[in-house]
Structure formats: C-alpha cells, structure tokens
Amino acid sequence: MTELRDWYLRYIAALNAHEFDGMDEFIADRVLLNGEPGTRDDVLAVQRHDVGAVPDLHWEIQELLFDRDRLAVRAINTGTPVREWLGVPPSGRSFEIVEYAIYRVTDGRFTQMTALHDSAELRRQLAA
C-alpha cells in the first residue's frame, strides 16, 4: 500500500509541476479514459490542453484510498484560466472545485482513469 501511495504522490507531483514527458512511468500505452478506450497520448493531450488554458492548475489531495489495484481520490483543483476554458473566456477569476477520481493500476501503470468534477460550479465561479 505504501509503495502505491508513494507512486501516486509522485504522479500528482509531476502533474503539479506540469512535467508531462515522464508520464509513461504512470500511464499505460492504452487506457480506459472516463469509460472510453484511449491512449496515453490522449490523456496527455487533455492534460496539456488544460494546463495551456490554466497555467497554474493545481491538484491538492484531500483523501486517498486503496483497494487492491484501485485508487480513489478526492482532490481540490484550483487555478486561474488565461485562455478560454470550458467555454468561458478568461476574466482573471480563479476557481476551486472538488474532483473525484478512480483509477485502476495494472503492472504499475494506470489502465483506467475516471475523473468527475462539478463543471457547472466551475463555470459559475469563472463567470461570476
């Protein structure tokens, strides 16, 4: 359990540093991303797009649970968009939302990645 916890915390540290080049350590070549078949490159494209629009995008882990090959996470996501993001033009406003994520790890890498957050709340904060 400690090994998987440390591995996941390294993943979050890489995300927060916006270091995408080493993600093959964490993400399998083929993944199920929010229920859809995809690739590591698909995941990285989403992450790069988000960080391009929100350069200070940050994940703060609040809860981290393990069940064999699965992880469940509750995190706080924060940032200030500088480009249009999720259909909302940049306004200088920041957001803080809760994200819930569930992962499956196979052979030391994510093979399933699912994330859920309240996008309506995010839009409300950015457009307020």
Protein backbone atom coordinates (compact mmCIF):
# COMPACT_ATOMS: atom_id res chain seq x y z
CA MET A 1 0.00 0.00 0.00
CA THR A 2 2.78 2.45 0.89
CA GLU A 3 4.52 1.78 -2.42
CA LEU A 4 1.33 2.54 -4.41
CA ARG A 5 0.70 5.64 -2.29
CA ASP A 6 4.22 6.95 -2.92
CA TRP A 7 3.88 6.18 -6.64
CA TYR A 8 0.58 8.09 -6.84
CA LEU A 9 2.00 11.07 -4.94
CA ARG A 10 4.88 11.17 -7.46
CA TYR A 11 2.27 11.26 -10.24
CA ILE A 12 0.47 14.20 -8.60
CA ALA A 13 3.79 15.99 -8.07
CA ALA A 14 4.55 15.58 -11.79
CA LEU A 15 1.08 16.89 -12.68
CA ASN A 16 1.50 19.90 -10.40
CA ALA A 17 4.92 20.60 -11.92
CA HIS A 18 3.31 20.18 -15.37
CA GLU A 19 6.00 17.64 -16.28
CA PHE A 20 4.31 15.53 -18.93
CA ASP A 21 7.37 14.00 -20.58
CA GLY A 22 7.78 11.25 -17.97
CA MET A 23 4.14 10.16 -17.82
CA ASP A 24 4.91 6.79 -19.39
CA GLU A 25 6.01 5.83 -15.86
CA PHE A 26 2.41 6.32 -14.70
CA ILE A 27 0.06 5.84 -17.66
CA ALA A 28 -0.16 2.67 -19.73
CA ASP A 29 0.03 2.86 -23.53
CA ARG A 30 -3.69 2.01 -23.72
CA VAL A 31 -6.18 3.23 -21.13
CA LEU A 32 -9.86 3.42 -20.48
CA LEU A 33 -10.36 7.17 -20.03
CA ASN A 34 -13.71 8.12 -18.48
CA GLY A 35 -15.16 4.91 -19.89
CA GLU A 36 -13.78 5.36 -23.42
CA PRO A 37 -10.82 3.49 -24.95
CA GLY A 38 -7.84 5.74 -25.39
CA THR A 39 -4.09 6.04 -25.28
CA ARG A 40 -1.52 7.73 -23.07
CA ASP A 41 -1.25 10.40 -25.77
CA ASP A 42 -4.99 11.08 -25.44
CA VAL A 43 -4.61 11.59 -21.69
CA LEU A 44 -1.59 13.84 -22.19
CA ALA A 45 -3.41 15.89 -24.81
CA VAL A 46 -6.17 16.64 -22.30
CA GLN A 47 -3.69 17.46 -19.55
CA ARG A 48 -1.60 19.72 -21.81
CA HIS A 49 -4.72 21.48 -23.09
CA ASP A 50 -5.91 22.14 -19.54
CA VAL A 51 -2.54 23.47 -18.40
CA GLY A 52 -2.28 25.61 -21.53
CA ALA A 53 -5.55 27.31 -20.57
CA VAL A 54 -4.87 27.25 -16.81
CA PRO A 55 -1.08 27.56 -16.32
CA ASP A 56 -1.35 27.45 -12.52
CA LEU A 57 -3.65 24.39 -12.47
CA HIS A 58 -3.00 22.56 -9.20
CA TRP A 59 -4.26 19.34 -7.57
CA GLU A 60 -4.27 19.02 -3.78
CA ILE A 61 -5.05 15.56 -2.43
CA GLN A 62 -7.62 15.54 0.37
CA GLU A 63 -8.31 11.80 0.58
CA LEU A 64 -6.59 8.81 -0.98
CA LEU A 65 -7.99 5.30 -0.65
CA PHE A 66 -6.73 1.95 -1.95
CA ASP A 67 -8.46 -1.32 -2.74
CA ARG A 68 -6.04 -3.82 -4.29
CA ASP A 69 -5.45 -2.46 -7.81
CA ARG A 70 -7.79 0.54 -7.48
CA LEU A 71 -7.31 4.03 -6.09
CA ALA A 72 -9.97 6.56 -5.15
CA VAL A 73 -9.06 10.19 -4.70
CA ARG A 74 -10.77 13.33 -3.54
CA ALA A 75 -8.78 16.38 -4.57
CA ILE A 76 -9.18 20.13 -4.66
CA ASN A 77 -8.41 21.63 -8.07
CA THR A 78 -7.50 25.30 -8.28
CA GLY A 79 -6.35 27.69 -10.97
CA THR A 80 -6.88 30.87 -12.94
CA PRO A 81 -7.59 30.45 -16.67
CA VAL A 82 -5.68 32.73 -19.05
CA ARG A 83 -7.43 31.41 -22.18
CA GLU A 84 -10.98 30.37 -22.88
CA TRP A 85 -11.62 27.16 -20.98
CA LEU A 86 -14.76 25.04 -20.94
CA GLY A 87 -16.47 27.73 -22.99
CA VAL A 88 -15.75 30.53 -20.50
CA PRO A 89 -13.47 33.39 -21.60
CA PRO A 90 -10.69 34.36 -19.18
CA SER A 91 -11.75 37.00 -16.68
CA GLY A 92 -8.93 36.94 -14.14
CA ARG A 93 -11.13 34.90 -11.81
CA SER A 94 -9.86 31.77 -10.13
CA PHE A 95 -11.69 28.57 -9.28
CA GLU A 96 -11.61 25.96 -6.54
CA ILE A 97 -13.56 22.76 -7.14
CA VAL A 98 -13.62 19.23 -5.81
CA GLU A 99 -12.56 16.40 -8.11
CA TYR A 100 -13.25 12.72 -7.50
CA ALA A 101 -11.07 10.27 -9.39
CA ILE A 102 -10.96 6.49 -9.59
CA TYR A 103 -8.08 4.60 -11.12
CA ARG A 104 -7.12 1.02 -11.86
CA VAL A 105 -3.42 0.18 -11.84
CA THR A 106 -2.11 -2.80 -13.80
CA ASP A 107 1.59 -3.68 -13.93
CA GLY A 108 2.45 -0.41 -12.20
CA ARG A 109 0.59 1.98 -14.52
CA PHE A 110 -2.90 3.41 -14.88
CA THR A 111 -5.10 1.34 -17.18
CA GLN A 112 -8.35 3.03 -16.18
CA MET A 113 -8.70 6.72 -15.32
CA THR A 114 -12.03 8.28 -14.40
CA ALA A 115 -12.49 11.79 -13.05
CA LEU A 116 -15.60 13.68 -12.04
CA HIS A 117 -15.96 17.30 -11.03
CA ASP A 118 -18.79 19.82 -10.92
CA SER A 119 -18.25 21.69 -14.17
CA ALA A 120 -21.35 23.82 -13.55
CA GLU A 121 -19.78 25.05 -10.29
CA LEU A 122 -16.51 25.70 -12.09
CA ARG A 123 -18.31 27.76 -14.76
CA ARG A 124 -20.25 29.62 -12.06
CA GLN A 125 -17.05 30.62 -10.32
CA LEU A 126 -15.32 31.71 -13.53
CA ALA A 127 -18.28 33.66 -14.89
CA ALA A 128 -19.44 35.21 -11.58
